[in-house]
Amino acid sequence: VPQVLKSCTEFIEKHGIVDGIYRLSGIASNIQKLRHEFDSEQIPDLTKDVYIQDIHCVGSLCKLYFRELPNPLLTYQLYEKFS
């Protein structure tokens, strides 16, 4: 499991007691800042006030990660079985 998913899910499980954690979007600049830190192979400190106050940016980063995968988690080969 990629580090970005491990870190984000652990943080959301610990601090994500809000409605619509994955439904609402975070602030774009916070999402890009998080993405840049993970892309540069650093593990950002998610307990900073900026991320605690905008916890939706962490959920948005998870969604962005899955959206940008070259192949979906439920692969094209399995699509007919699912439908």
C-alpha atoms as a PDB file:
ATOM      1  CA  VAL A   1       0.000   0.000   0.000  1.00  0.00           C
ATOM      2  CA  PRO A   2       1.471   3.367  -0.983  1.00  0.00           C
ATOM      3  CA  GLN A   3       2.612   5.635   1.853  1.00  0.00           C
ATOM      4  CA  VAL A   4       0.237   8.403   0.815  1.00  0.00           C
ATOM      5  CA  LEU A   5      -2.750   6.112   1.388  1.00  0.00           C
ATOM      6  CA  LYS A   6      -1.401   4.730   4.664  1.00  0.00           C
ATOM      7  CA  SER A   7      -0.759   8.179   6.104  1.00  0.00           C
ATOM      8  CA  CYS A   8      -4.019   9.695   4.921  1.00  0.00           C
ATOM      9  CA  THR A   9      -6.249   6.845   6.058  1.00  0.00           C
ATOM     10  CA  GLU A  10      -4.604   6.660   9.478  1.00  0.00           C
ATOM     11  CA  PHE A  11      -5.050  10.411   9.896  1.00  0.00           C
ATOM     12  CA  ILE A  12      -8.687  10.305   8.776  1.00  0.00           C
ATOM     13  CA  GLU A  13      -9.464   7.403  11.109  1.00  0.00           C
ATOM     14  CA  LYS A  14      -7.951   9.314  14.014  1.00  0.00           C
ATOM     15  CA  HIS A  15      -9.205  12.857  13.275  1.00  0.00           C
ATOM     16  CA  GLY A  16     -11.934  12.493  10.647  1.00  0.00           C
ATOM     17  CA  ILE A  17     -15.015  12.543  12.834  1.00  0.00           C
ATOM     18  CA  VAL A  18     -16.849  14.994  10.570  1.00  0.00           C
ATOM     19  CA  ASP A  19     -19.763  14.575   8.195  1.00  0.00           C
ATOM     20  CA  GLY A  20     -18.929  14.224   4.530  1.00  0.00           C
ATOM     21  CA  ILE A  21     -15.192  13.635   4.932  1.00  0.00           C
ATOM     22  CA  TYR A  22     -14.957  12.287   1.369  1.00  0.00           C
ATOM     23  CA  ARG A  23     -17.922  14.204  -0.020  1.00  0.00           C
ATOM     24  CA  LEU A  24     -16.624  17.722   0.603  1.00  0.00           C
ATOM     25  CA  SER A  25     -13.497  19.040  -1.056  1.00  0.00           C
ATOM     26  CA  GLY A  26     -10.591  20.551   0.784  1.00  0.00           C
ATOM     27  CA  ILE A  27      -8.864  23.814  -0.034  1.00  0.00           C
ATOM     28  CA  ALA A  28      -6.979  23.371  -3.303  1.00  0.00           C
ATOM     29  CA  SER A  29      -3.768  24.969  -2.046  1.00  0.00           C
ATOM     30  CA  ASN A  30      -3.662  22.584   0.944  1.00  0.00           C
ATOM     31  CA  ILE A  31      -4.268  19.589  -1.319  1.00  0.00           C
ATOM     32  CA  GLN A  32      -1.460  20.662  -3.658  1.00  0.00           C
ATOM     33  CA  LYS A  33       0.882  21.274  -0.720  1.00  0.00           C
ATOM     34  CA  LEU A  34       0.216  17.764   0.609  1.00  0.00           C
ATOM     35  CA  ARG A  35       0.612  16.257  -2.840  1.00  0.00           C
ATOM     36  CA  HIS A  36       3.926  18.018  -3.357  1.00  0.00           C
ATOM     37  CA  GLU A  37       5.251  16.771  -0.021  1.00  0.00           C
ATOM     38  CA  PHE A  38       4.300  13.165  -0.794  1.00  0.00           C
ATOM     39  CA  ASP A  39       5.654  13.472  -4.356  1.00  0.00           C
ATOM     40  CA  SER A  40       9.014  14.613  -2.992  1.00  0.00           C
ATOM     41  CA  GLU A  41       9.035  11.408  -0.910  1.00  0.00           C
ATOM     42  CA  GLN A  42       8.584  13.180   2.394  1.00  0.00           C
ATOM     43  CA  ILE A  43       5.937  12.153   4.875  1.00  0.00           C
ATOM     44  CA  PRO A  44       4.223  15.391   5.821  1.00  0.00           C
ATOM     45  CA  ASP A  45       3.203  16.163   9.378  1.00  0.00           C
ATOM     46  CA  LEU A  46      -0.558  15.857   9.064  1.00  0.00           C
ATOM     47  CA  THR A  47      -1.060  17.071  12.619  1.00  0.00           C
ATOM     48  CA  LYS A  48      -0.236  20.658  11.608  1.00  0.00           C
ATOM     49  CA  ASP A  49      -3.089  23.070  12.294  1.00  0.00           C
ATOM     50  CA  VAL A  50      -3.523  23.774   8.588  1.00  0.00           C
ATOM     51  CA  TYR A  51      -4.445  20.121   7.939  1.00  0.00           C
ATOM     52  CA  ILE A  52      -6.441  19.593  11.144  1.00  0.00           C
ATOM     53  CA  GLN A  53      -8.546  22.665  10.346  1.00  0.00           C
ATOM     54  CA  ASP A  54      -9.047  21.500   6.742  1.00  0.00           C
ATOM     55  CA  ILE A  55      -9.305  17.741   7.205  1.00  0.00           C
ATOM     56  CA  HIS A  56     -11.190  17.525   3.920  1.00  0.00           C
ATOM     57  CA  CYS A  57      -7.926  18.207   2.068  1.00  0.00           C
ATOM     58  CA  VAL A  58      -6.606  14.837   3.294  1.00  0.00           C
ATOM     59  CA  GLY A  59      -9.709  13.039   2.019  1.00  0.00           C
ATOM     60  CA  SER A  60      -9.458  14.961  -1.241  1.00  0.00           C
ATOM     61  CA  LEU A  61      -5.851  13.843  -1.661  1.00  0.00           C
ATOM     62  CA  CYS A  62      -6.953  10.195  -1.310  1.00  0.00           C
ATOM     63  CA  LYS A  63      -9.630  10.694  -3.955  1.00  0.00           C
ATOM     64  CA  LEU A  64      -7.122  12.425  -6.230  1.00  0.00           C
ATOM     65  CA  TYR A  65      -4.684   9.523  -5.850  1.00  0.00           C
ATOM     66  CA  PHE A  66      -7.291   6.972  -6.926  1.00  0.00           C
ATOM     67  CA  ARG A  67      -8.549   9.202  -9.751  1.00  0.00           C
ATOM     68  CA  GLU A  68      -5.048   9.502 -11.248  1.00  0.00           C
ATOM     69  CA  LEU A  69      -4.191   5.793 -11.218  1.00  0.00           C
ATOM     70  CA  PRO A  70      -3.306   4.581 -14.727  1.00  0.00           C
ATOM     71  CA  ASN A  71      -5.654   1.607 -14.285  1.00  0.00           C
ATOM     72  CA  PRO A  72      -8.684   1.617 -12.003  1.00  0.00           C
ATOM     73  CA  LEU A  73      -8.729  -0.535  -8.869  1.00  0.00           C
ATOM     74  CA  LEU A  74     -11.589  -2.511 -10.383  1.00  0.00           C
ATOM     75  CA  THR A  75      -9.771  -3.250 -13.614  1.00  0.00           C
ATOM     76  CA  TYR A  76     -11.268  -3.062 -17.077  1.00  0.00           C
ATOM     77  CA  GLN A  77     -10.984  -6.868 -17.378  1.00  0.00           C
ATOM     78  CA  LEU A  78     -13.301  -7.301 -14.383  1.00  0.00           C
ATOM     79  CA  TYR A  79     -15.834  -4.698 -15.503  1.00  0.00           C
ATOM     80  CA  GLU A  80     -18.215  -7.143 -17.181  1.00  0.00           C
ATOM     81  CA  LYS A  81     -18.245  -9.400 -14.108  1.00  0.00           C
ATOM     82  CA  PHE A  82     -19.215  -6.432 -11.934  1.00  0.00           C
ATOM     83  CA  SER A  83     -21.933  -5.206 -14.253  1.00  0.00           C
END
